[in-house]
Amino acid sequence: MAAPEDLPDTEQLVVCRDRPTGLVAIIAIDDTTLGPALGGIRFKPYPSEAAAVAEAQRLGRAMTLKNALADIAFGGGKSVILASDAIVDREAALLAFGRFVARCGGAYLPAADMGTGVEDLQVVARTAGEVSCDDEDPSTATAIGVHAAIEVAVRAGDVAPGLAGVSVLVQGVGHVGAALARLLAADGARVLVADADAGRAASVAAEVGGAVVAPDDVIGTPCDVYAPCAVARVVDDATVGRLAARIVAGAANDVLDHPGLAGELAARGILYVPDFVANAGGVINVRALRDGWSPERRAAALAAIGTRCGEVVHEARATGATTLEVAEAAAYAKVGRARPA
């Protein structure tokens, strides 16, 4: 399995069109070597169908890497539904989408993602036959994993021995971001909050005793940790030089616009925790629920995200590679070992 130069060499790409409901969706099944392709359903507007395909493929590859490193016997995939005025009945569109999932024959296991939740999965399950989990929001588990990664990164990055007094800017305080802000505040971190919804930002900031940062000021705001928890590709060629954080570690997928930015962050002395290492809590929770893990086993698996973060940072320093290169190599190696000879 070769690392992608531009877009990944996706195993199966499905374009879904259902004219009666206005549904247009993309299912990107990136790799099923380790098991069914587990990945969320993203429901949002896109400037074009090509942009939707590209995001589905990129996020599908990120899910392959995430699931491989988490060692949960799932492959990786992603789907996107193009939100538009053509969809007037959301439930009907989701039922139509479920029928396309069913045609994949179990190769794709949908989960919640940006713009979808447990209630949507319950609708999709009616026609898809099976979804990852339709009775528990994975947000808390994702936040626990990101918290563990940040805690280790703060020590590994020589910022502080613990989270007390550490400034963390949480960008995006939806379900995951808000849960992360609460966990950080409980450990004594100084939480800064940014969100496109000003009311939501103010509410969460008040709850955790934090301060609000305007969305346009996020990149240039000095902080110890920048935790992106909303949209993808927030670090790009235009923002990397202005980033005023010492660590980047958050719940958002596909944080870097291109892989070369990992090297630019390292050159500036900014520790980057690859998103697919930090945000694996949700997929671990899926495996825990499906297999009936005990609370203790689930907690240990979520805490192990911090351990993996530490291992990645240690190897990057020892070899001179970037943390992204180290994490990707480990994930690709796991997939490669599982392929038939």
Foldseek 3Di string as FASTA:
>chain_A
DDDDPQFAPFPDKDWDADQVQRKTKIKTQRDALLHAAEEAEAEEADPDPVRQSRVFRQQQVLSQLLCLVLVLSGGHGYMYIHDDPSHPDLLVNLCSVLQVLLVVVRNYAYDHDHPDFLVSVVSSCVNNVHHLDNPDGLQLLLLLLLLLQVQLCCVLLVVDNGQAAFEEEEEACDSNSLSNLQVSLVRHHAYEYEYPPVVVRVVSCVVSVHYYDYPVCLQQDAGAEYAYADEAQCDEPVRLVRGRYQEYTYQYAHNHPDPCSLVVCVVVNRAYQHNSLRRSRSVLVSSCVVVVPDPVVSSVSSSCSSVVSNVLSVVCVVPVHGSVVSSSVSSVVSSVVSDDD
